[in-house]
Amino acid sequence: MRNKGNGELLALLYLSRGAESRRNILNKLIPRPKNCNELAIEAGLGWWTVQNHLKLLKKEELVRNIDFGRIKFYQLTHKGEKALTNTEINTNPL
């Protein structure tokens, strides 16, 4: 998978529609892996909404899933942690 530049991560996490929800989901994964239902409840979003955001975040390698039987848990990747803490990206451009 190609590397995303800071500008593209900035757009994904700050400028595009749903960026605030994606950041919220990533922040909910900091303490431990969670399943989609847990994330939906904690983030105050619908299950399908969270599922769609997770697909996007997984595609960009910011989260990964861990299969536990029929249940999928999602975990923040190193790249996801960096994206949340990177001061170049983490400053709100608005």
PDB file of N, CA and C in Angstrom:
ATOM      1  N   MET A   1       0.841  -1.174   0.000  1.00  0.00           N
ATOM      2  CA  MET A   1       0.000   0.000   0.000  1.00  0.00           C
ATOM      3  C   MET A   1       0.885   1.236   0.000  1.00  0.00           C
ATOM      4  N   ARG A   2       0.518   2.250  -0.757  1.00  0.00           N
ATOM      5  CA  ARG A   2       1.351   3.441  -0.844  1.00  0.00           C
ATOM      6  C   ARG A   2       1.267   4.247   0.445  1.00  0.00           C
ATOM      7  N   ASN A   3       2.312   4.969   0.707  1.00  0.00           N
ATOM      8  CA  ASN A   3       2.386   5.812   1.889  1.00  0.00           C
ATOM      9  C   ASN A   3       1.553   7.063   1.687  1.00  0.00           C
ATOM     10  N   LYS A   4       0.781   7.412   2.684  1.00  0.00           N
ATOM     11  CA  LYS A   4       0.008   8.647   2.631  1.00  0.00           C
ATOM     12  C   LYS A   4       0.868   9.783   3.149  1.00  0.00           C
ATOM     13  N   GLY A   5       0.857  10.880   2.464  1.00  0.00           N
ATOM     14  CA  GLY A   5       1.575  12.052   2.928  1.00  0.00           C
ATOM     15  C   GLY A   5       0.791  12.743   4.031  1.00  0.00           C
ATOM     16  N   ASN A   6       1.447  13.680   4.697  1.00  0.00           N
ATOM     17  CA  ASN A   6       0.784  14.419   5.768  1.00  0.00           C
ATOM     18  C   ASN A   6      -0.461  15.139   5.278  1.00  0.00           C
ATOM     19  N   GLY A   7      -0.420  15.648   4.059  1.00  0.00           N
ATOM     20  CA  GLY A   7      -1.575  16.353   3.523  1.00  0.00           C
ATOM     21  C   GLY A   7      -2.788  15.460   3.383  1.00  0.00           C
ATOM     22  N   GLU A   8      -2.563  14.236   2.945  1.00  0.00           N
ATOM     23  CA  GLU A   8      -3.680  13.300   2.775  1.00  0.00           C
ATOM     24  C   GLU A   8      -4.219  12.843   4.124  1.00  0.00           C
ATOM     25  N   LEU A   9      -3.331  12.616   5.107  1.00  0.00           N
ATOM     26  CA  LEU A   9      -3.808  12.263   6.449  1.00  0.00           C
ATOM     27  C   LEU A   9      -4.530  13.436   7.089  1.00  0.00           C
ATOM     28  N   LEU A  10      -4.044  14.640   6.838  1.00  0.00           N
ATOM     29  CA  LEU A  10      -4.700  15.841   7.327  1.00  0.00           C
ATOM     30  C   LEU A  10      -6.127  15.910   6.796  1.00  0.00           C
ATOM     31  N   ALA A  11      -6.278  15.652   5.515  1.00  0.00           N
ATOM     32  CA  ALA A  11      -7.612  15.666   4.916  1.00  0.00           C
ATOM     33  C   ALA A  11      -8.499  14.584   5.517  1.00  0.00           C
ATOM     34  N   LEU A  12      -7.961  13.385   5.676  1.00  0.00           N
ATOM     35  CA  LEU A  12      -8.744  12.262   6.216  1.00  0.00           C
ATOM     36  C   LEU A  12      -9.188  12.521   7.647  1.00  0.00           C
ATOM     37  N   LEU A  13      -8.308  13.110   8.457  1.00  0.00           N
ATOM     38  CA  LEU A  13      -8.598  13.260   9.882  1.00  0.00           C
ATOM     39  C   LEU A  13      -9.078  14.651  10.293  1.00  0.00           C
ATOM     40  N   TYR A  14      -9.004  15.644   9.384  1.00  0.00           N
ATOM     41  CA  TYR A  14      -9.419  16.989   9.773  1.00  0.00           C
ATOM     42  C   TYR A  14     -10.302  17.721   8.772  1.00  0.00           C
ATOM     43  N   LEU A  15     -10.126  17.482   7.489  1.00  0.00           N
ATOM     44  CA  LEU A  15     -10.809  18.321   6.509  1.00  0.00           C
ATOM     45  C   LEU A  15     -12.005  17.668   5.832  1.00  0.00           C
ATOM     46  N   SER A  16     -12.015  16.373   5.726  1.00  0.00           N
ATOM     47  CA  SER A  16     -13.091  15.711   4.987  1.00  0.00           C
ATOM     48  C   SER A  16     -14.321  15.486   5.862  1.00  0.00           C
ATOM     49  N   ARG A  17     -15.409  15.240   5.205  1.00  0.00           N
ATOM     50  CA  ARG A  17     -16.655  14.933   5.903  1.00  0.00           C
ATOM     51  C   ARG A  17     -16.444  13.687   6.755  1.00  0.00           C
ATOM     52  N   GLY A  18     -16.801  13.731   8.036  1.00  0.00           N
ATOM     53  CA  GLY A  18     -16.646  12.588   8.920  1.00  0.00           C
ATOM     54  C   GLY A  18     -15.314  12.535   9.648  1.00  0.00           C
ATOM     55  N   ALA A  19     -14.461  13.541   9.408  1.00  0.00           N
ATOM     56  CA  ALA A  19     -13.123  13.542  10.011  1.00  0.00           C
ATOM     57  C   ALA A  19     -13.192  13.550  11.539  1.00  0.00           C
ATOM     58  N   GLU A  20     -14.097  14.339  12.109  1.00  0.00           N
ATOM     59  CA  GLU A  20     -14.222  14.404  13.573  1.00  0.00           C
ATOM     60  C   GLU A  20     -14.614  13.041  14.141  1.00  0.00           C
ATOM     61  N   SER A  21     -15.507  12.350  13.469  1.00  0.00           N
ATOM     62  CA  SER A  21     -15.920  11.010  13.915  1.00  0.00           C
ATOM     63  C   SER A  21     -14.759  10.024  13.813  1.00  0.00           C
ATOM     64  N   ARG A  22     -13.971  10.115  12.745  1.00  0.00           N
ATOM     65  CA  ARG A  22     -12.815   9.220  12.606  1.00  0.00           C
ATOM     66  C   ARG A  22     -11.797   9.456  13.718  1.00  0.00           C
ATOM     67  N   ARG A  23     -11.527  10.726  14.037  1.00  0.00           N
ATOM     68  CA  ARG A  23     -10.610  11.019  15.147  1.00  0.00           C
ATOM     69  C   ARG A  23     -11.167  10.489  16.458  1.00  0.00           C
ATOM     70  N   ASN A  24     -12.459  10.642  16.654  1.00  0.00           N
ATOM     71  CA  ASN A  24     -13.117  10.147  17.866  1.00  0.00           C
ATOM     72  C   ASN A  24     -12.940   8.631  17.983  1.00  0.00           C
ATOM     73  N   ILE A  25     -13.149   7.921  16.889  1.00  0.00           N
ATOM     74  CA  ILE A  25     -12.988   6.460  16.881  1.00  0.00           C
ATOM     75  C   ILE A  25     -11.543   6.087  17.198  1.00  0.00           C
ATOM     76  N   LEU A  26     -10.586   6.752  16.566  1.00  0.00           N
ATOM     77  CA  LEU A  26      -9.177   6.457  16.838  1.00  0.00           C
ATOM     78  C   LEU A  26      -8.846   6.693  18.313  1.00  0.00           C
ATOM     79  N   ASN A  27      -9.351   7.777  18.875  1.00  0.00           N
ATOM     80  CA  ASN A  27      -9.094   8.061  20.287  1.00  0.00           C
ATOM     81  C   ASN A  27      -9.704   7.017  21.213  1.00  0.00           C
ATOM     82  N   LYS A  28     -10.845   6.458  20.830  1.00  0.00           N
ATOM     83  CA  LYS A  28     -11.486   5.410  21.647  1.00  0.00           C
ATOM     84  C   LYS A  28     -10.664   4.128  21.648  1.00  0.00           C
ATOM     85  N   LEU A  29      -9.797   3.959  20.641  1.00  0.00           N
ATOM     86  CA  LEU A  29      -8.971   2.750  20.546  1.00  0.00           C
ATOM     87  C   LEU A  29      -7.635   2.880  21.278  1.00  0.00           C
ATOM     88  N   ILE A  30      -7.339   4.042  21.829  1.00  0.00           N
ATOM     89  CA  ILE A  30      -6.057   4.222  22.516  1.00  0.00           C
ATOM     90  C   ILE A  30      -5.887   3.245  23.684  1.00  0.00           C
ATOM     91  N   PRO A  31      -6.871   3.110  24.577  1.00  0.00           N
ATOM     92  CA  PRO A  31      -6.620   2.245  25.739  1.00  0.00           C
ATOM     93  C   PRO A  31      -6.547   0.752  25.419  1.00  0.00           C
ATOM     94  N   ARG A  32      -7.379   0.285  24.474  1.00  0.00           N
ATOM     95  CA  ARG A  32      -7.412  -1.151  24.176  1.00  0.00           C
ATOM     96  C   ARG A  32      -8.213  -1.405  22.903  1.00  0.00           C
ATOM     97  N   PRO A  33      -8.019  -2.582  22.293  1.00  0.00           N
ATOM     98  CA  PRO A  33      -8.843  -2.934  21.124  1.00  0.00           C
ATOM     99  C   PRO A  33     -10.324  -3.042  21.514  1.00  0.00           C
ATOM    100  N   LYS A  34     -11.196  -2.695  20.577  1.00  0.00           N
ATOM    101  CA  LYS A  34     -12.639  -2.758  20.822  1.00  0.00           C
ATOM    102  C   LYS A  34     -13.342  -3.256  19.570  1.00  0.00           C
ATOM    103  N   ASN A  35     -14.536  -3.806  19.763  1.00  0.00           N
ATOM    104  CA  ASN A  35     -15.318  -4.218  18.605  1.00  0.00           C
ATOM    105  C   ASN A  35     -16.174  -3.044  18.128  1.00  0.00           C
ATOM    106  N   CYS A  36     -16.799  -3.218  16.994  1.00  0.00           N
ATOM    107  CA  CYS A  36     -17.565  -2.142  16.370  1.00  0.00           C
ATOM    108  C   CYS A  36     -18.705  -1.665  17.267  1.00  0.00           C
ATOM    109  N   ASN A  37     -19.371  -2.580  17.938  1.00  0.00           N
ATOM    110  CA  ASN A  37     -20.478  -2.211  18.803  1.00  0.00           C
ATOM    111  C   ASN A  37     -20.011  -1.347  19.976  1.00  0.00           C
ATOM    112  N   GLU A  38     -18.895  -1.728  20.592  1.00  0.00           N
ATOM    113  CA  GLU A  38     -18.342  -0.926  21.691  1.00  0.00           C
ATOM    114  C   GLU A  38     -18.000   0.479  21.210  1.00  0.00           C
ATOM    115  N   LEU A  39     -17.378   0.552  20.047  1.00  0.00           N
ATOM    116  CA  LEU A  39     -16.998   1.850  19.484  1.00  0.00           C
ATOM    117  C   LEU A  39     -18.224   2.704  19.180  1.00  0.00           C
ATOM    118  N   ALA A  40     -19.255   2.083  18.632  1.00  0.00           N
ATOM    119  CA  ALA A  40     -20.477   2.819  18.306  1.00  0.00           C
ATOM    120  C   ALA A  40     -21.106   3.410  19.566  1.00  0.00           C
ATOM    121  N   ILE A  41     -21.174   2.616  20.623  1.00  0.00           N
ATOM    122  CA  ILE A  41     -21.764   3.092  21.882  1.00  0.00           C
ATOM    123  C   ILE A  41     -20.919   4.218  22.470  1.00  0.00           C
ATOM    124  N   GLU A  42     -19.605   3.997  22.562  1.00  0.00           N
ATOM    125  CA  GLU A  42     -18.722   4.992  23.169  1.00  0.00           C
ATOM    126  C   GLU A  42     -18.645   6.287  22.360  1.00  0.00           C
ATOM    127  N   ALA A  43     -18.705   6.177  21.049  1.00  0.00           N
ATOM    128  CA  ALA A  43     -18.594   7.356  20.187  1.00  0.00           C
ATOM    129  C   ALA A  43     -19.943   8.040  19.962  1.00  0.00           C
ATOM    130  N   GLY A  44     -21.026   7.362  20.349  1.00  0.00           N
ATOM    131  CA  GLY A  44     -22.353   7.932  20.134  1.00  0.00           C
ATOM    132  C   GLY A  44     -22.746   7.969  18.671  1.00  0.00           C
ATOM    133  N   LEU A  45     -22.273   6.973  17.919  1.00  0.00           N
ATOM    134  CA  LEU A  45     -22.560   6.881  16.490  1.00  0.00           C
ATOM    135  C   LEU A  45     -23.288   5.581  16.190  1.00  0.00           C
ATOM    136  N   GLY A  46     -23.902   5.503  15.039  1.00  0.00           N
ATOM    137  CA  GLY A  46     -24.552   4.273  14.614  1.00  0.00           C
ATOM    138  C   GLY A  46     -23.531   3.204  14.241  1.00  0.00           C
ATOM    139  N   TRP A  47     -23.940   1.943  14.382  1.00  0.00           N
ATOM    140  CA  TRP A  47     -23.044   0.818  14.099  1.00  0.00           C
ATOM    141  C   TRP A  47     -22.536   0.879  12.660  1.00  0.00           C
ATOM    142  N   TRP A  48     -23.442   1.118  11.694  1.00  0.00           N
ATOM    143  CA  TRP A  48     -23.031   1.155  10.286  1.00  0.00           C
ATOM    144  C   TRP A  48     -22.088   2.321  10.011  1.00  0.00           C
ATOM    145  N   THR A  49     -22.319   3.431  10.671  1.00  0.00           N
ATOM    146  CA  THR A  49     -21.439   4.592  10.507  1.00  0.00           C
ATOM    147  C   THR A  49     -20.031   4.242  10.967  1.00  0.00           C
ATOM    148  N   VAL A  50     -19.932   3.632  12.143  1.00  0.00           N
ATOM    149  CA  VAL A  50     -18.622   3.235  12.677  1.00  0.00           C
ATOM    150  C   VAL A  50     -17.981   2.206  11.758  1.00  0.00           C
ATOM    151  N   GLN A  51     -18.764   1.258  11.278  1.00  0.00           N
ATOM    152  CA  GLN A  51     -18.243   0.229  10.380  1.00  0.00           C
ATOM    153  C   GLN A  51     -17.634   0.861   9.124  1.00  0.00           C
ATOM    154  N   ASN A  52     -18.317   1.838   8.569  1.00  0.00           N
ATOM    155  CA  ASN A  52     -17.802   2.511   7.366  1.00  0.00           C
ATOM    156  C   ASN A  52     -16.531   3.297   7.662  1.00  0.00           C
ATOM    157  N   HIS A  53     -16.480   3.981   8.801  1.00  0.00           N
ATOM    158  CA  HIS A  53     -15.265   4.698   9.177  1.00  0.00           C
ATOM    159  C   HIS A  53     -14.109   3.722   9.403  1.00  0.00           C
ATOM    160  N   LEU A  54     -14.390   2.593  10.039  1.00  0.00           N
ATOM    161  CA  LEU A  54     -13.346   1.589  10.286  1.00  0.00           C
ATOM    162  C   LEU A  54     -12.784   1.046   8.973  1.00  0.00           C
ATOM    163  N   LYS A  55     -13.648   0.861   7.981  1.00  0.00           N
ATOM    164  CA  LYS A  55     -13.175   0.411   6.662  1.00  0.00           C
ATOM    165  C   LYS A  55     -12.164   1.394   6.088  1.00  0.00           C
ATOM    166  N   LEU A  56     -12.497   2.672   6.176  1.00  0.00           N
ATOM    167  CA  LEU A  56     -11.607   3.722   5.677  1.00  0.00           C
ATOM    168  C   LEU A  56     -10.296   3.748   6.468  1.00  0.00           C
ATOM    169  N   LEU A  57     -10.403   3.702   7.791  1.00  0.00           N
ATOM    170  CA  LEU A  57      -9.217   3.742   8.645  1.00  0.00           C
ATOM    171  C   LEU A  57      -8.340   2.510   8.445  1.00  0.00           C
ATOM    172  N   LYS A  58      -8.972   1.372   8.215  1.00  0.00           N
ATOM    173  CA  LYS A  58      -8.221   0.140   7.968  1.00  0.00           C
ATOM    174  C   LYS A  58      -7.508   0.222   6.612  1.00  0.00           C
ATOM    175  N   LYS A  59      -8.189   0.740   5.623  1.00  0.00           N
ATOM    176  CA  LYS A  59      -7.598   0.891   4.288  1.00  0.00           C
ATOM    177  C   LYS A  59      -6.348   1.764   4.349  1.00  0.00           C
ATOM    178  N   GLU A  60      -6.372   2.774   5.196  1.00  0.00           N
ATOM    179  CA  GLU A  60      -5.232   3.684   5.339  1.00  0.00           C
ATOM    180  C   GLU A  60      -4.229   3.195   6.378  1.00  0.00           C
ATOM    181  N   GLU A  61      -4.452   1.978   6.886  1.00  0.00           N
ATOM    182  CA  GLU A  61      -3.556   1.319   7.843  1.00  0.00           C
ATOM    183  C   GLU A  61      -3.418   2.074   9.159  1.00  0.00           C
ATOM    184  N   LEU A  62      -4.480   2.778   9.566  1.00  0.00           N
ATOM    185  CA  LEU A  62      -4.485   3.457  10.857  1.00  0.00           C
ATOM    186  C   LEU A  62      -5.034   2.547  11.942  1.00  0.00           C
ATOM    187  N   VAL A  63      -5.824   1.549  11.546  1.00  0.00           N
ATOM    188  CA  VAL A  63      -6.310   0.512  12.461  1.00  0.00           C
ATOM    189  C   VAL A  63      -6.147  -0.850  11.781  1.00  0.00           C
ATOM    190  N   ARG A  64      -6.136  -1.873  12.586  1.00  0.00           N
ATOM    191  CA  ARG A  64      -6.140  -3.244  12.056  1.00  0.00           C
ATOM    192  C   ARG A  64      -7.172  -4.031  12.838  1.00  0.00           C
ATOM    193  N   ASN A  65      -7.677  -5.082  12.221  1.00  0.00           N
ATOM    194  CA  ASN A  65      -8.650  -5.887  12.951  1.00  0.00           C
ATOM    195  C   ASN A  65      -8.009  -7.176  13.459  1.00  0.00           C
ATOM    196  N   ILE A  66      -8.506  -7.623  14.583  1.00  0.00           N
ATOM    197  CA  ILE A  66      -8.085  -8.871  15.206  1.00  0.00           C
ATOM    198  C   ILE A  66      -9.326  -9.751  15.252  1.00  0.00           C
ATOM    199  N   ASP A  67      -9.283 -10.880  14.557  1.00  0.00           N
ATOM    200  CA  ASP A  67     -10.426 -11.793  14.560  1.00  0.00           C
ATOM    201  C   ASP A  67     -10.397 -12.647  15.817  1.00  0.00           C
ATOM    202  N   PHE A  68     -11.529 -12.675  16.495  1.00  0.00           N
ATOM    203  CA  PHE A  68     -11.691 -13.493  17.690  1.00  0.00           C
ATOM    204  C   PHE A  68     -12.983 -14.283  17.489  1.00  0.00           C
ATOM    205  N   GLY A  69     -12.853 -15.426  16.816  1.00  0.00           N
ATOM    206  CA  GLY A  69     -14.047 -16.169  16.426  1.00  0.00           C
ATOM    207  C   GLY A  69     -14.812 -15.367  15.396  1.00  0.00           C
ATOM    208  N   ARG A  70     -16.091 -15.136  15.667  1.00  0.00           N
ATOM    209  CA  ARG A  70     -16.911 -14.354  14.746  1.00  0.00           C
ATOM    210  C   ARG A  70     -16.836 -12.857  15.018  1.00  0.00           C
ATOM    211  N   ILE A  71     -16.178 -12.481  16.087  1.00  0.00           N
ATOM    212  CA  ILE A  71     -16.095 -11.078  16.472  1.00  0.00           C
ATOM    213  C   ILE A  71     -14.780 -10.477  15.996  1.00  0.00           C
ATOM    214  N   LYS A  72     -14.863  -9.264  15.464  1.00  0.00           N
ATOM    215  CA  LYS A  72     -13.662  -8.533  15.057  1.00  0.00           C
ATOM    216  C   LYS A  72     -13.417  -7.418  16.060  1.00  0.00           C
ATOM    217  N   PHE A  73     -12.206  -7.381  16.547  1.00  0.00           N
ATOM    218  CA  PHE A  73     -11.778  -6.281  17.388  1.00  0.00           C
ATOM    219  C   PHE A  73     -10.873  -5.403  16.545  1.00  0.00           C
ATOM    220  N   TYR A  74     -10.904  -4.115  16.802  1.00  0.00           N
ATOM    221  CA  TYR A  74     -10.083  -3.176  16.059  1.00  0.00           C
ATOM    222  C   TYR A  74      -9.052  -2.569  16.997  1.00  0.00           C
ATOM    223  N   GLN A  75      -7.839  -2.434  16.478  1.00  0.00           N
ATOM    224  CA  GLN A  75      -6.714  -1.946  17.265  1.00  0.00           C
ATOM    225  C   GLN A  75      -6.019  -0.831  16.504  1.00  0.00           C
ATOM    226  N   LEU A  76      -5.594   0.167  17.233  1.00  0.00           N
ATOM    227  CA  LEU A  76      -4.824   1.255  16.647  1.00  0.00           C
ATOM    228  C   LEU A  76      -3.466   0.723  16.217  1.00  0.00           C
ATOM    229  N   THR A  77      -3.034   1.055  15.017  1.00  0.00           N
ATOM    230  CA  THR A  77      -1.706   0.653  14.557  1.00  0.00           C
ATOM    231  C   THR A  77      -0.695   1.722  14.981  1.00  0.00           C
ATOM    232  N   HIS A  78       0.564   1.418  14.785  1.00  0.00           N
ATOM    233  CA  HIS A  78       1.607   2.395  15.075  1.00  0.00           C
ATOM    234  C   HIS A  78       1.392   3.644  14.219  1.00  0.00           C
ATOM    235  N   LYS A  79       1.028   3.444  12.972  1.00  0.00           N
ATOM    236  CA  LYS A  79       0.756   4.566  12.074  1.00  0.00           C
ATOM    237  C   LYS A  79      -0.427   5.391  12.583  1.00  0.00           C
ATOM    238  N   GLY A  80      -1.443   4.715  13.118  1.00  0.00           N
ATOM    239  CA  GLY A  80      -2.600   5.407  13.683  1.00  0.00           C
ATOM    240  C   GLY A  80      -2.236   6.218  14.909  1.00  0.00           C
ATOM    241  N   GLU A  81      -1.391   5.644  15.771  1.00  0.00           N
ATOM    242  CA  GLU A  81      -0.919   6.372  16.953  1.00  0.00           C
ATOM    243  C   GLU A  81      -0.136   7.611  16.536  1.00  0.00           C
ATOM    244  N   LYS A  82       0.741   7.436  15.546  1.00  0.00           N
ATOM    245  CA  LYS A  82       1.540   8.577  15.060  1.00  0.00           C
ATOM    246  C   LYS A  82       0.644   9.665  14.474  1.00  0.00           C
ATOM    247  N   ALA A  83      -0.376   9.259  13.743  1.00  0.00           N
ATOM    248  CA  ALA A  83      -1.283  10.230  13.127  1.00  0.00           C
ATOM    249  C   ALA A  83      -2.006  11.054  14.186  1.00  0.00           C
ATOM    250  N   LEU A  84      -2.337  10.428  15.314  1.00  0.00           N
ATOM    251  CA  LEU A  84      -3.022  11.147  16.386  1.00  0.00           C
ATOM    252  C   LEU A  84      -2.090  12.079  17.153  1.00  0.00           C
ATOM    253  N   THR A  85      -0.824  11.722  17.234  1.00  0.00           N
ATOM    254  CA  THR A  85       0.101  12.506  18.055  1.00  0.00           C
ATOM    255  C   THR A  85       1.018  13.412  17.244  1.00  0.00           C
ATOM    256  N   ASN A  86       1.056  13.249  15.949  1.00  0.00           N
ATOM    257  CA  ASN A  86       1.932  14.048  15.093  1.00  0.00           C
ATOM    258  C   ASN A  86       1.491  15.508  15.132  1.00  0.00           C
ATOM    259  N   THR A  87       2.364  16.380  15.593  1.00  0.00           N
ATOM    260  CA  THR A  87       1.980  17.787  15.739  1.00  0.00           C
ATOM    261  C   THR A  87       1.723  18.468  14.401  1.00  0.00           C
ATOM    262  N   GLU A  88       2.352  18.009  13.335  1.00  0.00           N
ATOM    263  CA  GLU A  88       2.096  18.594  12.026  1.00  0.00           C
ATOM    264  C   GLU A  88       0.679  18.303  11.568  1.00  0.00           C
ATOM    265  N   ILE A  89       0.179  17.116  11.928  1.00  0.00           N
ATOM    266  CA  ILE A  89      -1.170  16.722  11.530  1.00  0.00           C
ATOM    267  C   ILE A  89      -2.181  17.116  12.597  1.00  0.00           C
ATOM    268  N   ASN A  90      -1.762  17.048  13.854  1.00  0.00           N
ATOM    269  CA  ASN A  90      -2.688  17.196  14.974  1.00  0.00           C
ATOM    270  C   ASN A  90      -3.084  18.631  15.272  1.00  0.00           C
ATOM    271  N   THR A  91      -2.566  19.602  14.567  1.00  0.00           N
ATOM    272  CA  THR A  91      -3.009  20.956  14.772  1.00  0.00           C
ATOM    273  C   THR A  91      -4.213  21.223  13.900  1.00  0.00           C
ATOM    274  N   ASN A  92      -5.273  21.665  14.498  1.00  0.00           N
ATOM    275  CA  ASN A  92      -6.514  21.912  13.768  1.00  0.00           C
ATOM    276  C   ASN A  92      -6.296  23.069  12.786  1.00  0.00           C
ATOM    277  N   PRO A  93      -6.426  22.793  11.499  1.00  0.00           N
ATOM    278  CA  PRO A  93      -6.119  23.805  10.491  1.00  0.00           C
ATOM    279  C   PRO A  93      -7.214  24.849  10.317  1.00  0.00           C
ATOM    280  N   LEU A  94      -8.333  24.663  10.949  1.00  0.00           N
ATOM    281  CA  LEU A  94      -9.454  25.578  10.722  1.00  0.00           C
ATOM    282  C   LEU A  94      -9.399  26.809  11.599  1.00  0.00           C
TER     283      LEU A  94
END
